[in-house]
């Protein structure tokens, strides 16, 4: 898509507009973000200073993904299971490294 006057498409596909052109190009920029599903950026002296994103993009960027949430829940369940001495003993026999990681609480580093 050809760039609108004042809006430049960077190599990474992000539409950019300078801060001095922002007011004149704001409506076009917002429409482009909505229609193309790609973020846009305001620039100052060639540096990106702020982004325009759709609500869906913001929601994805703000919160954990489904996989991250599932991983967090799995870790919590494993940690609760290791509180059971019988489970901890079996885990120590079957997978000593995993037992040590859970026993030290190191899994929280990954969260």
C-alpha atoms as a PDB file:
ATOM      1  CA  UNK A   1       0.000   0.000   0.000  1.00  0.00           C
ATOM      2  CA  UNK A   2       1.395   3.387  -0.946  1.00  0.00           C
ATOM      3  CA  UNK A   3       2.255   5.619   1.952  1.00  0.00           C
ATOM      4  CA  UNK A   4      -0.164   8.452   2.649  1.00  0.00           C
ATOM      5  CA  UNK A   5       1.367  11.899   2.572  1.00  0.00           C
ATOM      6  CA  UNK A   6       3.197  12.292   5.878  1.00  0.00           C
ATOM      7  CA  UNK A   7       2.956   8.590   6.743  1.00  0.00           C
ATOM      8  CA  UNK A   8       5.999   6.435   5.988  1.00  0.00           C
ATOM      9  CA  UNK A   9       6.055   2.635   6.100  1.00  0.00           C
ATOM     10  CA  UNK A  10       9.224   1.412   7.805  1.00  0.00           C
ATOM     11  CA  UNK A  11      11.060  -1.774   6.811  1.00  0.00           C
ATOM     12  CA  UNK A  12       9.350  -3.674   9.650  1.00  0.00           C
ATOM     13  CA  UNK A  13       5.913  -2.709   8.289  1.00  0.00           C
ATOM     14  CA  UNK A  14       5.112  -0.145  10.987  1.00  0.00           C
ATOM     15  CA  UNK A  15       3.491   3.031   9.683  1.00  0.00           C
ATOM     16  CA  UNK A  16       5.389   6.023  11.028  1.00  0.00           C
ATOM     17  CA  UNK A  17       4.440   9.674  11.220  1.00  0.00           C
ATOM     18  CA  UNK A  18       6.471  12.499  12.690  1.00  0.00           C
ATOM     19  CA  UNK A  19       5.180  14.320  15.747  1.00  0.00           C
ATOM     20  CA  UNK A  20       4.928  17.505  13.683  1.00  0.00           C
ATOM     21  CA  UNK A  21       2.639  15.738  11.180  1.00  0.00           C
ATOM     22  CA  UNK A  22       0.714  13.734  13.794  1.00  0.00           C
ATOM     23  CA  UNK A  23      -2.304  15.995  14.130  1.00  0.00           C
ATOM     24  CA  UNK A  24      -2.849  16.203  10.383  1.00  0.00           C
ATOM     25  CA  UNK A  25      -2.387  12.446   9.904  1.00  0.00           C
ATOM     26  CA  UNK A  26      -4.023  11.053  13.046  1.00  0.00           C
ATOM     27  CA  UNK A  27      -7.294   9.889  11.468  1.00  0.00           C
ATOM     28  CA  UNK A  28      -5.478   8.210   8.559  1.00  0.00           C
ATOM     29  CA  UNK A  29      -3.019   6.588  10.934  1.00  0.00           C
ATOM     30  CA  UNK A  30      -5.763   5.167  13.175  1.00  0.00           C
ATOM     31  CA  UNK A  31      -7.669   3.830  10.166  1.00  0.00           C
ATOM     32  CA  UNK A  32      -4.502   2.192   8.839  1.00  0.00           C
ATOM     33  CA  UNK A  33      -3.880   0.479  12.201  1.00  0.00           C
ATOM     34  CA  UNK A  34      -7.466  -0.771  12.321  1.00  0.00           C
ATOM     35  CA  UNK A  35      -7.546  -1.959   8.721  1.00  0.00           C
ATOM     36  CA  UNK A  36      -4.040  -3.428   8.432  1.00  0.00           C
ATOM     37  CA  UNK A  37      -3.884  -4.849  11.954  1.00  0.00           C
ATOM     38  CA  UNK A  38      -0.359  -3.478  12.373  1.00  0.00           C
ATOM     39  CA  UNK A  39       0.860  -0.901  14.874  1.00  0.00           C
ATOM     40  CA  UNK A  40       1.825   2.617  13.884  1.00  0.00           C
ATOM     41  CA  UNK A  41       4.352   4.888  15.524  1.00  0.00           C
ATOM     42  CA  UNK A  42       4.855   8.561  16.189  1.00  0.00           C
ATOM     43  CA  UNK A  43       8.413   9.654  15.616  1.00  0.00           C
ATOM     44  CA  UNK A  44      10.514  12.552  16.779  1.00  0.00           C
ATOM     45  CA  UNK A  45      13.807  13.238  15.044  1.00  0.00           C
ATOM     46  CA  UNK A  46      13.527   9.829  13.386  1.00  0.00           C
ATOM     47  CA  UNK A  47      13.118   7.918  16.672  1.00  0.00           C
ATOM     48  CA  UNK A  48       9.901   6.134  17.613  1.00  0.00           C
ATOM     49  CA  UNK A  49       8.399   7.783  20.674  1.00  0.00           C
ATOM     50  CA  UNK A  50       4.897   6.260  20.958  1.00  0.00           C
ATOM     51  CA  UNK A  51       2.762   3.629  19.260  1.00  0.00           C
ATOM     52  CA  UNK A  52      -0.850   3.433  18.126  1.00  0.00           C
ATOM     53  CA  UNK A  53      -2.314  -0.061  18.474  1.00  0.00           C
ATOM     54  CA  UNK A  54      -5.741  -1.658  18.358  1.00  0.00           C
ATOM     55  CA  UNK A  55      -7.398  -2.714  21.617  1.00  0.00           C
ATOM     56  CA  UNK A  56      -6.723  -6.361  20.712  1.00  0.00           C
ATOM     57  CA  UNK A  57      -3.004  -5.668  20.224  1.00  0.00           C
ATOM     58  CA  UNK A  58      -2.856  -3.881  23.556  1.00  0.00           C
ATOM     59  CA  UNK A  59      -4.644  -6.718  25.329  1.00  0.00           C
ATOM     60  CA  UNK A  60      -2.176  -9.260  23.930  1.00  0.00           C
ATOM     61  CA  UNK A  61       0.800  -7.124  24.893  1.00  0.00           C
ATOM     62  CA  UNK A  62      -0.518  -6.399  28.375  1.00  0.00           C
ATOM     63  CA  UNK A  63      -1.520  -9.822  29.597  1.00  0.00           C
ATOM     64  CA  UNK A  64      -0.113 -13.330  29.601  1.00  0.00           C
ATOM     65  CA  UNK A  65      -0.839 -15.552  26.649  1.00  0.00           C
ATOM     66  CA  UNK A  66      -2.924 -18.684  27.078  1.00  0.00           C
ATOM     67  CA  UNK A  67       0.254 -20.777  27.020  1.00  0.00           C
ATOM     68  CA  UNK A  68       1.906 -18.617  29.675  1.00  0.00           C
ATOM     69  CA  UNK A  69      -1.151 -18.856  31.898  1.00  0.00           C
ATOM     70  CA  UNK A  70      -1.331 -22.642  31.433  1.00  0.00           C
ATOM     71  CA  UNK A  71       2.376 -22.920  32.286  1.00  0.00           C
ATOM     72  CA  UNK A  72       1.901 -20.803  35.421  1.00  0.00           C
ATOM     73  CA  UNK A  73      -0.972 -23.027  36.552  1.00  0.00           C
ATOM     74  CA  UNK A  74       1.067 -26.169  35.860  1.00  0.00           C
ATOM     75  CA  UNK A  75       3.966 -24.873  37.954  1.00  0.00           C
ATOM     76  CA  UNK A  76       1.634 -24.009  40.827  1.00  0.00           C
ATOM     77  CA  UNK A  77       0.087 -27.481  40.715  1.00  0.00           C
ATOM     78  CA  UNK A  78       3.489 -29.157  40.682  1.00  0.00           C
ATOM     79  CA  UNK A  79       4.645 -27.079  43.614  1.00  0.00           C
ATOM     80  CA  UNK A  80       1.511 -28.001  45.598  1.00  0.00           C
ATOM     81  CA  UNK A  81       2.036 -31.680  44.760  1.00  0.00           C
ATOM     82  CA  UNK A  82       5.615 -31.579  46.054  1.00  0.00           C
ATOM     83  CA  UNK A  83       4.243 -30.541  49.444  1.00  0.00           C
ATOM     84  CA  UNK A  84       2.943 -34.116  49.719  1.00  0.00           C
ATOM     85  CA  UNK A  85       5.896 -36.133  51.120  1.00  0.00           C
ATOM     86  CA  UNK A  86       4.916 -39.295  49.208  1.00  0.00           C
ATOM     87  CA  UNK A  87       4.715 -37.447  45.887  1.00  0.00           C
ATOM     88  CA  UNK A  88       8.001 -35.642  46.611  1.00  0.00           C
ATOM     89  CA  UNK A  89       9.707 -38.956  47.342  1.00  0.00           C
ATOM     90  CA  UNK A  90       8.482 -40.556  44.110  1.00  0.00           C
ATOM     91  CA  UNK A  91       9.461 -37.439  42.138  1.00  0.00           C
ATOM     92  CA  UNK A  92      12.935 -37.450  43.725  1.00  0.00           C
ATOM     93  CA  UNK A  93      13.369 -41.073  42.610  1.00  0.00           C
ATOM     94  CA  UNK A  94      11.975 -40.572  39.090  1.00  0.00           C
ATOM     95  CA  UNK A  95      13.406 -37.118  38.273  1.00  0.00           C
ATOM     96  CA  UNK A  96      15.861 -35.796  40.855  1.00  0.00           C
ATOM     97  CA  UNK A  97      16.613 -32.647  38.850  1.00  0.00           C
ATOM     98  CA  UNK A  98      12.947 -31.654  38.605  1.00  0.00           C
ATOM     99  CA  UNK A  99      12.509 -32.434  42.292  1.00  0.00           C
ATOM    100  CA  UNK A 100      15.428 -30.133  43.166  1.00  0.00           C
ATOM    101  CA  UNK A 101      14.081 -27.325  40.991  1.00  0.00           C
ATOM    102  CA  UNK A 102      10.658 -27.534  42.594  1.00  0.00           C
ATOM    103  CA  UNK A 103      12.094 -27.979  46.078  1.00  0.00           C
ATOM    104  CA  UNK A 104      14.195 -24.819  45.707  1.00  0.00           C
ATOM    105  CA  UNK A 105      11.286 -22.815  44.310  1.00  0.00           C
ATOM    106  CA  UNK A 106      13.333 -22.056  41.213  1.00  0.00           C
ATOM    107  CA  UNK A 107      10.378 -22.528  38.876  1.00  0.00           C
ATOM    108  CA  UNK A 108       9.145 -19.064  39.875  1.00  0.00           C
ATOM    109  CA  UNK A 109      12.085 -17.627  37.963  1.00  0.00           C
ATOM    110  CA  UNK A 110      10.417 -18.833  34.773  1.00  0.00           C
ATOM    111  CA  UNK A 111       7.154 -17.166  35.659  1.00  0.00           C
END
